[in-house]
């Protein structure tokens, strides 16, 4: 997952929401792998492209909490739920 997303990101073929989706998916891969710092970096980058994406915000909150930033994690998850109350389901 990480390699495939990285290849798509680096290809230069994608912009906007499509690029954000590839970056987000790579971030999810890093999150599942336990590489929270890289996941947060990818989620930050995806949010610059799609700032109102509840899934990205929610997963950045999860990564922050797992990294030890409980306050930042809760803030992101709360912001995500304001955008989409069902984001955690």
C-alpha atoms as a PDB file:
ATOM      1  CA  UNK A   1       0.000   0.000   0.000  1.00  0.00           C
ATOM      2  CA  UNK A   2       2.710   2.490   0.989  1.00  0.00           C
ATOM      3  CA  UNK A   3       4.865   1.789  -2.068  1.00  0.00           C
ATOM      4  CA  UNK A   4       1.957   1.974  -4.500  1.00  0.00           C
ATOM      5  CA  UNK A   5       0.716   5.250  -3.041  1.00  0.00           C
ATOM      6  CA  UNK A   6       4.222   6.706  -3.054  1.00  0.00           C
ATOM      7  CA  UNK A   7       4.590   5.810  -6.730  1.00  0.00           C
ATOM      8  CA  UNK A   8       1.295   7.539  -7.540  1.00  0.00           C
ATOM      9  CA  UNK A   9       2.243  10.614  -5.505  1.00  0.00           C
ATOM     10  CA  UNK A  10       5.649  10.894  -7.155  1.00  0.00           C
ATOM     11  CA  UNK A  11       4.293  10.280 -10.660  1.00  0.00           C
ATOM     12  CA  UNK A  12       3.119  13.862 -10.935  1.00  0.00           C
ATOM     13  CA  UNK A  13      -0.057  12.690 -12.696  1.00  0.00           C
ATOM     14  CA  UNK A  14      -2.433  13.676  -9.905  1.00  0.00           C
ATOM     15  CA  UNK A  15      -3.584  16.941  -8.376  1.00  0.00           C
ATOM     16  CA  UNK A  16      -6.189  18.114  -5.895  1.00  0.00           C
ATOM     17  CA  UNK A  17      -8.514  15.563  -4.342  1.00  0.00           C
ATOM     18  CA  UNK A  18      -6.995  12.612  -6.229  1.00  0.00           C
ATOM     19  CA  UNK A  19      -3.516  13.478  -4.976  1.00  0.00           C
ATOM     20  CA  UNK A  20      -4.914  14.033  -1.481  1.00  0.00           C
ATOM     21  CA  UNK A  21      -6.497  10.564  -1.571  1.00  0.00           C
ATOM     22  CA  UNK A  22      -3.175   8.929  -2.475  1.00  0.00           C
ATOM     23  CA  UNK A  23      -1.399  10.828   0.310  1.00  0.00           C
ATOM     24  CA  UNK A  24      -4.184   9.946   2.771  1.00  0.00           C
ATOM     25  CA  UNK A  25      -4.060   6.263   1.838  1.00  0.00           C
ATOM     26  CA  UNK A  26      -0.292   6.212   2.327  1.00  0.00           C
ATOM     27  CA  UNK A  27      -0.847   7.845   5.721  1.00  0.00           C
ATOM     28  CA  UNK A  28      -3.294   5.087   6.635  1.00  0.00           C
ATOM     29  CA  UNK A  29      -0.613   2.570   5.654  1.00  0.00           C
ATOM     30  CA  UNK A  30       1.887   4.271   7.952  1.00  0.00           C
ATOM     31  CA  UNK A  31      -0.727   4.417  10.731  1.00  0.00           C
ATOM     32  CA  UNK A  32      -1.367   0.677  10.462  1.00  0.00           C
ATOM     33  CA  UNK A  33       2.390   0.066  10.479  1.00  0.00           C
ATOM     34  CA  UNK A  34       2.761   2.107  13.677  1.00  0.00           C
ATOM     35  CA  UNK A  35       4.811   4.870  12.030  1.00  0.00           C
ATOM     36  CA  UNK A  36       2.749   7.662  13.555  1.00  0.00           C
ATOM     37  CA  UNK A  37       5.088  10.526  12.677  1.00  0.00           C
ATOM     38  CA  UNK A  38       5.001   9.720   8.960  1.00  0.00           C
ATOM     39  CA  UNK A  39       1.252   9.162   9.115  1.00  0.00           C
ATOM     40  CA  UNK A  40       0.767  12.597  10.673  1.00  0.00           C
ATOM     41  CA  UNK A  41       2.982  14.181   8.013  1.00  0.00           C
ATOM     42  CA  UNK A  42       0.894  12.597   5.256  1.00  0.00           C
ATOM     43  CA  UNK A  43      -2.385  13.557   6.918  1.00  0.00           C
ATOM     44  CA  UNK A  44      -1.112  17.146   7.290  1.00  0.00           C
ATOM     45  CA  UNK A  45      -0.263  17.227   3.590  1.00  0.00           C
ATOM     46  CA  UNK A  46      -3.634  15.744   2.598  1.00  0.00           C
ATOM     47  CA  UNK A  47      -5.417  18.314   4.753  1.00  0.00           C
ATOM     48  CA  UNK A  48      -3.654  21.143   2.933  1.00  0.00           C
ATOM     49  CA  UNK A  49      -5.300  19.843  -0.248  1.00  0.00           C
ATOM     50  CA  UNK A  50      -8.679  18.909   1.269  1.00  0.00           C
ATOM     51  CA  UNK A  51      -9.063  20.830   4.551  1.00  0.00           C
ATOM     52  CA  UNK A  52     -12.630  19.708   5.270  1.00  0.00           C
ATOM     53  CA  UNK A  53     -11.966  15.956   4.933  1.00  0.00           C
ATOM     54  CA  UNK A  54     -13.326  14.367   8.109  1.00  0.00           C
ATOM     55  CA  UNK A  55     -11.605  11.017   7.501  1.00  0.00           C
ATOM     56  CA  UNK A  56      -8.189  12.639   7.229  1.00  0.00           C
ATOM     57  CA  UNK A  57      -8.777  14.724  10.357  1.00  0.00           C
ATOM     58  CA  UNK A  58     -10.052  11.743  12.305  1.00  0.00           C
ATOM     59  CA  UNK A  59      -7.127   9.515  11.378  1.00  0.00           C
ATOM     60  CA  UNK A  60      -4.638  12.285  12.116  1.00  0.00           C
ATOM     61  CA  UNK A  61      -6.264  12.462  15.549  1.00  0.00           C
ATOM     62  CA  UNK A  62      -5.814   8.728  16.002  1.00  0.00           C
ATOM     63  CA  UNK A  63      -2.150   8.963  14.986  1.00  0.00           C
ATOM     64  CA  UNK A  64      -1.552  11.909  17.318  1.00  0.00           C
ATOM     65  CA  UNK A  65      -3.150  10.079  20.247  1.00  0.00           C
ATOM     66  CA  UNK A  66      -1.122   6.927  19.582  1.00  0.00           C
ATOM     67  CA  UNK A  67       2.021   9.064  19.432  1.00  0.00           C
ATOM     68  CA  UNK A  68       1.178  10.477  22.866  1.00  0.00           C
ATOM     69  CA  UNK A  69      -0.500  13.771  21.942  1.00  0.00           C
ATOM     70  CA  UNK A  70      -3.838  13.029  23.558  1.00  0.00           C
ATOM     71  CA  UNK A  71      -5.053  16.661  23.480  1.00  0.00           C
ATOM     72  CA  UNK A  72      -4.165  17.167  19.818  1.00  0.00           C
ATOM     73  CA  UNK A  73      -5.671  13.807  18.962  1.00  0.00           C
ATOM     74  CA  UNK A  74      -8.932  14.600  20.693  1.00  0.00           C
ATOM     75  CA  UNK A  75      -9.094  18.035  19.038  1.00  0.00           C
ATOM     76  CA  UNK A  76      -8.706  16.497  15.574  1.00  0.00           C
ATOM     77  CA  UNK A  77     -11.270  13.775  16.241  1.00  0.00           C
ATOM     78  CA  UNK A  78     -13.744  16.350  17.601  1.00  0.00           C
ATOM     79  CA  UNK A  79     -13.224  18.571  14.524  1.00  0.00           C
ATOM     80  CA  UNK A  80     -13.785  15.562  12.270  1.00  0.00           C
ATOM     81  CA  UNK A  81     -17.046  14.733  14.071  1.00  0.00           C
ATOM     82  CA  UNK A  82     -18.255  18.310  13.595  1.00  0.00           C
ATOM     83  CA  UNK A  83     -17.803  17.829   9.845  1.00  0.00           C
ATOM     84  CA  UNK A  84     -19.232  14.302   9.799  1.00  0.00           C
ATOM     85  CA  UNK A  85     -20.825  12.958  13.005  1.00  0.00           C
ATOM     86  CA  UNK A  86     -20.501   9.387  11.699  1.00  0.00           C
ATOM     87  CA  UNK A  87     -16.786   9.556  10.838  1.00  0.00           C
ATOM     88  CA  UNK A  88     -15.764   7.078  13.535  1.00  0.00           C
ATOM     89  CA  UNK A  89     -18.079   4.313  12.383  1.00  0.00           C
END
